[in-house]
N, C-alpha and C. Protein backbone atom coordinates (compact mmCIF):
# COMPACT_ATOMS: atom_id res chain seq x y z
N ALA A 1 68.28 103.81 -37.44
CA ALA A 1 66.84 103.47 -37.45
C ALA A 1 66.81 102.11 -38.47
N ALA A 2 65.85 101.76 -38.23
CA ALA A 2 65.39 100.40 -39.04
C ALA A 2 64.64 101.25 -40.58
N ASP A 3 64.73 100.34 -41.32
CA ASP A 3 63.19 100.94 -42.47
C ASP A 3 62.28 100.06 -43.00
N GLY A 4 61.86 99.28 -41.85
CA GLY A 4 60.86 98.56 -41.54
C GLY A 4 60.84 97.46 -40.94
N PHE A 5 59.74 96.52 -40.99
CA PHE A 5 59.58 95.41 -40.14
C PHE A 5 59.61 93.93 -41.33
N ASP A 6 60.14 93.01 -40.99
CA ASP A 6 60.28 91.73 -41.86
C ASP A 6 59.58 90.90 -41.21
N TRP A 7 58.35 90.87 -42.35
CA TRP A 7 56.99 89.78 -41.78
C TRP A 7 57.01 89.06 -42.91
N ASP A 8 56.46 87.66 -42.54
CA ASP A 8 56.13 86.35 -43.85
C ASP A 8 55.68 85.32 -42.81
N ALA A 9 55.53 84.50 -43.97
CA ALA A 9 55.25 82.78 -43.43
C ALA A 9 55.71 82.58 -42.09
N GLY A 10 56.99 83.03 -41.95
CA GLY A 10 57.93 81.97 -40.97
C GLY A 10 58.06 83.08 -39.55
N ASN A 11 57.45 83.80 -39.26
CA ASN A 11 57.24 84.42 -38.03
C ASN A 11 56.34 85.12 -37.92
N ARG A 12 55.53 85.10 -38.70
CA ARG A 12 54.25 85.85 -38.38
C ARG A 12 53.19 85.05 -37.42
N ASP A 13 53.04 84.10 -37.49
CA ASP A 13 52.18 82.49 -36.63
C ASP A 13 53.22 83.08 -35.15
N LYS A 14 54.56 82.32 -35.47
CA LYS A 14 55.16 82.39 -34.41
C LYS A 14 55.22 83.41 -33.43
N CYS A 15 54.89 84.77 -33.67
CA CYS A 15 55.38 85.75 -33.19
C CYS A 15 53.67 85.92 -32.49
N GLN A 16 52.65 85.71 -33.14
CA GLN A 16 51.34 85.96 -32.41
C GLN A 16 51.03 85.17 -31.66
N LYS A 17 51.78 83.67 -31.47
CA LYS A 17 50.57 82.96 -30.42
C LYS A 17 50.75 82.86 -29.43
N HIS A 18 51.12 84.02 -28.68
CA HIS A 18 50.84 84.41 -27.42
C HIS A 18 50.18 85.25 -27.00
N GLY A 19 49.31 85.68 -28.30
CA GLY A 19 48.47 86.77 -28.04
C GLY A 19 48.67 88.31 -28.53
N LEU A 20 49.80 88.41 -29.22
CA LEU A 20 50.39 89.83 -28.92
C LEU A 20 49.70 89.60 -30.58
N THR A 21 49.54 91.15 -31.29
CA THR A 21 49.01 91.36 -32.60
C THR A 21 50.48 92.36 -33.16
N LEU A 22 50.35 92.13 -34.33
CA LEU A 22 51.53 92.57 -35.20
C LEU A 22 52.03 94.15 -34.89
N ALA A 23 50.81 94.90 -34.41
CA ALA A 23 50.84 96.01 -34.62
C ALA A 23 51.53 96.49 -32.95
N GLU A 24 51.40 95.58 -32.02
CA GLU A 24 51.84 94.98 -30.64
C GLU A 24 53.39 95.44 -31.02
N ILE A 25 53.81 93.83 -31.39
CA ILE A 25 54.81 93.76 -31.77
C ILE A 25 55.77 95.13 -32.06
N GLU A 26 55.70 95.47 -32.78
CA GLU A 26 56.57 96.26 -34.07
C GLU A 26 56.03 97.80 -32.84
N HIS A 27 55.14 98.32 -32.36
CA HIS A 27 55.15 99.23 -31.07
C HIS A 27 56.60 98.92 -29.78
N VAL A 28 56.29 97.84 -29.28
CA VAL A 28 57.14 97.24 -28.33
C VAL A 28 58.86 97.65 -28.93
N VAL A 29 58.90 96.81 -30.12
CA VAL A 29 60.36 97.26 -30.99
C VAL A 29 60.60 98.30 -30.88
N SER A 30 59.98 99.56 -31.53
CA SER A 30 60.32 100.71 -31.66
C SER A 30 59.84 101.61 -30.96
N HIS A 31 59.45 101.33 -29.68
CA HIS A 31 58.68 102.38 -28.77
C HIS A 31 60.20 102.75 -27.94
N ALA A 32 60.35 104.59 -28.11
CA ALA A 32 61.46 104.83 -27.39
C ALA A 32 61.87 104.45 -25.67
N GLU A 33 60.67 103.78 -25.12
CA GLU A 33 61.26 103.73 -23.72
C GLU A 33 61.55 102.35 -23.58
N THR A 34 61.65 101.54 -24.81
CA THR A 34 61.68 99.92 -24.72
C THR A 34 63.15 99.68 -24.39
N LEU A 35 63.71 98.99 -23.39
CA LEU A 35 64.79 98.53 -23.25
C LEU A 35 65.34 97.25 -24.07
N ILE A 36 66.68 97.36 -25.03
CA ILE A 36 66.85 96.58 -26.09
C ILE A 36 67.98 96.05 -25.53
N VAL A 37 68.19 94.82 -25.32
CA VAL A 37 69.53 94.17 -24.98
C VAL A 37 69.91 93.31 -25.75
N HIS A 38 71.44 92.90 -25.89
CA HIS A 38 71.88 91.96 -27.04
C HIS A 38 71.59 90.54 -26.15
N ASP A 39 71.22 89.43 -27.11
CA ASP A 39 70.68 88.28 -26.05
C ASP A 39 72.13 87.31 -26.99
N VAL A 40 72.97 87.33 -26.22
CA VAL A 40 74.28 86.90 -26.42
C VAL A 40 74.25 85.27 -26.47
N LYS A 41 73.32 84.99 -25.67
CA LYS A 41 73.22 83.10 -25.57
C LYS A 41 72.53 82.91 -26.88
N ASN A 42 71.68 83.19 -27.29
CA ASN A 42 70.92 82.75 -28.74
C ASN A 42 71.37 83.73 -30.07
N SER A 43 72.62 84.01 -30.14
CA SER A 43 73.03 84.76 -31.08
C SER A 43 74.30 84.07 -32.14
N THR A 44 74.11 82.89 -31.31
CA THR A 44 75.38 81.70 -32.30
C THR A 44 75.58 81.82 -34.26
N SER A 45 74.07 81.74 -34.60
CA SER A 45 74.19 82.42 -35.89
C SER A 45 74.17 83.41 -36.69
N GLU A 46 73.17 84.55 -35.60
CA GLU A 46 73.36 86.27 -36.07
C GLU A 46 72.79 86.85 -35.05
N SER A 47 73.27 88.06 -34.72
CA SER A 47 73.02 88.84 -33.86
C SER A 47 71.17 89.17 -33.46
N ARG A 48 71.16 88.37 -32.19
CA ARG A 48 69.72 88.65 -31.78
C ARG A 48 69.25 89.39 -30.51
N PHE A 49 68.33 90.29 -30.62
CA PHE A 49 68.06 91.17 -29.39
C PHE A 49 67.04 90.78 -28.87
N ILE A 50 67.02 91.30 -27.47
CA ILE A 50 65.03 91.20 -26.88
C ILE A 50 65.16 92.97 -26.61
N ALA A 51 63.78 93.25 -26.81
CA ALA A 51 63.11 94.54 -26.77
C ALA A 51 62.20 93.95 -25.23
N ILE A 52 62.28 94.98 -24.45
CA ILE A 52 61.27 94.69 -23.36
C ILE A 52 60.85 96.20 -22.94
N GLY A 53 59.19 96.06 -23.63
CA GLY A 53 58.72 97.32 -23.13
C GLY A 53 57.08 97.03 -22.96
N ARG A 54 56.40 98.71 -23.27
CA ARG A 54 54.91 97.92 -22.88
C ARG A 54 54.27 98.16 -24.40
N THR A 55 52.95 97.50 -24.37
CA THR A 55 52.44 97.39 -25.60
C THR A 55 51.49 98.81 -25.54
N PRO A 56 50.77 99.03 -26.64
CA PRO A 56 50.25 100.52 -26.60
C PRO A 56 49.01 100.54 -25.16
N GLU A 57 48.79 99.03 -24.81
CA GLU A 57 47.63 99.42 -23.45
C GLU A 57 48.38 99.05 -22.33
N GLY A 58 49.45 99.29 -22.16
CA GLY A 58 50.27 99.40 -21.57
C GLY A 58 51.09 97.98 -20.75
N ARG A 59 50.40 96.61 -21.25
CA ARG A 59 51.10 95.92 -21.06
C ARG A 59 52.81 95.06 -20.97
N PHE A 60 53.58 94.78 -19.92
CA PHE A 60 54.67 94.78 -20.50
C PHE A 60 54.80 93.42 -21.33
N ALA A 61 56.04 93.17 -22.38
CA ALA A 61 56.48 91.99 -23.08
C ALA A 61 57.63 92.46 -23.82
N PHE A 62 57.95 90.96 -23.98
CA PHE A 62 59.27 90.28 -24.70
C PHE A 62 59.14 90.31 -25.83
N VAL A 63 60.12 90.89 -26.71
CA VAL A 63 60.36 90.45 -28.11
C VAL A 63 61.86 90.43 -28.29
N ALA A 64 61.86 88.95 -29.02
CA ALA A 64 63.27 88.61 -29.56
C ALA A 64 63.45 89.22 -31.02
N PHE A 65 64.24 89.71 -31.89
CA PHE A 65 64.48 90.54 -33.41
C PHE A 65 65.77 90.30 -33.43
N THR A 66 65.87 90.21 -34.73
CA THR A 66 67.28 90.32 -35.17
C THR A 66 67.34 91.16 -36.34
N GLN A 67 68.19 91.65 -36.73
CA GLN A 67 68.14 92.62 -37.92
C GLN A 67 68.69 91.98 -39.21
N ARG A 68 67.81 92.08 -40.64
CA ARG A 68 68.16 91.63 -41.53
C ARG A 68 68.40 93.06 -42.62
N ILE A 69 69.35 92.80 -43.48
CA ILE A 69 69.82 93.97 -44.75
C ILE A 69 69.50 92.81 -46.24
N ARG A 70 68.79 94.21 -46.37
CA ARG A 70 68.25 93.82 -48.14
C ARG A 70 68.31 94.48 -49.14
N GLU A 71 68.87 94.73 -49.81
CA GLU A 71 69.00 95.70 -50.84
C GLU A 71 69.64 96.98 -49.94
N GLY A 72 70.37 96.85 -48.69
CA GLY A 72 70.96 98.11 -48.76
C GLY A 72 70.17 98.48 -47.39
N ARG A 73 69.33 97.90 -47.26
CA ARG A 73 67.93 98.76 -46.34
C ARG A 73 67.94 97.66 -44.92
N ASN A 74 67.91 98.19 -43.49
CA ASN A 74 67.91 97.41 -42.99
C ASN A 74 66.31 97.08 -41.99
N PHE A 75 66.22 96.06 -41.60
CA PHE A 75 64.81 95.33 -41.49
C PHE A 75 64.97 94.74 -40.27
N LEU A 76 64.19 95.35 -39.29
CA LEU A 76 63.70 94.10 -37.89
C LEU A 76 62.84 93.12 -38.21
N ARG A 77 63.38 91.91 -37.88
CA ARG A 77 62.86 90.68 -38.00
C ARG A 77 62.11 90.14 -36.81
N PRO A 78 60.76 90.29 -35.92
CA PRO A 78 60.86 89.52 -34.65
C PRO A 78 60.72 87.98 -34.94
N ILE A 79 61.12 87.21 -33.84
CA ILE A 79 61.29 86.07 -34.01
C ILE A 79 60.65 85.42 -32.97
N SER A 80 60.16 85.94 -32.00
CA SER A 80 59.08 85.38 -30.89
C SER A 80 58.84 86.68 -29.93
N ALA A 81 57.46 86.47 -29.63
CA ALA A 81 56.95 87.67 -28.62
C ALA A 81 55.96 87.15 -27.31
N ARG A 82 56.36 87.36 -26.49
CA ARG A 82 55.02 86.96 -25.41
C ARG A 82 54.94 88.34 -24.11
N TYR A 83 53.72 88.70 -23.83
CA TYR A 83 53.67 88.98 -22.56
C TYR A 83 54.64 88.63 -21.58
N MET A 84 54.99 89.46 -20.20
CA MET A 84 56.05 89.32 -19.67
C MET A 84 55.16 88.77 -18.58
N HIS A 85 55.78 87.89 -17.39
CA HIS A 85 54.98 87.31 -16.25
C HIS A 85 54.93 88.30 -15.26
N ARG A 86 53.92 88.09 -14.07
CA ARG A 86 53.87 89.46 -13.40
C ARG A 86 55.41 89.47 -12.34
N LYS A 87 56.32 88.39 -11.87
CA LYS A 87 57.34 88.18 -11.67
C LYS A 87 58.60 88.95 -12.36
N GLU A 88 58.30 88.91 -13.60
CA GLU A 88 59.30 89.28 -14.73
C GLU A 88 59.23 90.98 -14.34
N VAL A 89 57.58 91.50 -14.51
CA VAL A 89 57.86 92.72 -14.66
C VAL A 89 58.08 93.44 -13.31
N ALA A 90 57.98 93.04 -11.91
CA ALA A 90 58.48 93.22 -10.96
C ALA A 90 59.97 93.26 -10.90
N ARG A 91 60.78 92.40 -11.57
CA ARG A 91 61.98 92.75 -11.29
C ARG A 91 62.69 93.82 -12.40
N TYR A 92 61.90 93.66 -13.73
CA TYR A 92 62.28 94.76 -14.85
C TYR A 92 62.17 96.27 -14.08
N GLU A 93 60.93 96.90 -13.07
CA GLU A 93 60.53 97.59 -12.49
C GLU A 93 61.74 98.05 -11.55
N LYS A 94 62.17 96.92 -10.64
CA LYS A 94 63.30 97.36 -9.89
C LYS A 94 64.27 97.42 -10.83
N GLU A 95 64.99 97.00 -11.51
CA GLU A 95 65.93 97.02 -12.25
C GLU A 95 65.97 98.30 -12.67
N SER A 96 64.91 98.72 -13.57
CA SER A 96 64.99 99.88 -14.20
C SER A 96 65.16 100.74 -13.68
N SER A 97 64.15 100.96 -11.94
CA SER A 97 63.99 102.24 -11.43
C SER A 97 65.76 102.25 -10.74
N THR A 98 66.37 101.04 -10.15
CA THR A 98 67.77 101.51 -9.74
C THR A 98 68.66 102.12 -11.10
N LEU A 99 68.84 101.88 -12.72
CA LEU A 99 69.22 102.26 -13.41
C LEU A 99 69.42 103.72 -13.30
N GLN A 100 67.89 104.28 -13.42
CA GLN A 100 67.40 105.76 -13.35
C GLN A 100 67.96 106.24 -12.20
N ASN A 101 68.29 105.84 -11.26
CA ASN A 101 68.69 106.30 -9.92
C ASN A 101 69.90 106.85 -10.13
N ARG A 102 70.44 106.25 -10.86
CA ARG A 102 72.51 106.31 -10.77
C ARG A 102 72.89 108.18 -11.42
């Protein structure tokens, strides 16, 4: 479990530029039903992950993030965030229902 989120001037504006609030981004990353996958393609310098989940209002969103260890504590650092497009939501719902039916 994470000890919190790592926000600063370097990631705050970039993460909010597509309309999500910091609270919505934190909710998507930390919510129990969120799907988290390892972003192998963008993990050259550090391990990156993608969280796919819903905001408290029910809108689907992607959040790319990494983990940072500081003073022995584990922080999640969001890198970018955006709402999902309709086609992405349809594909996600189809794939997640396939996984649940196994």
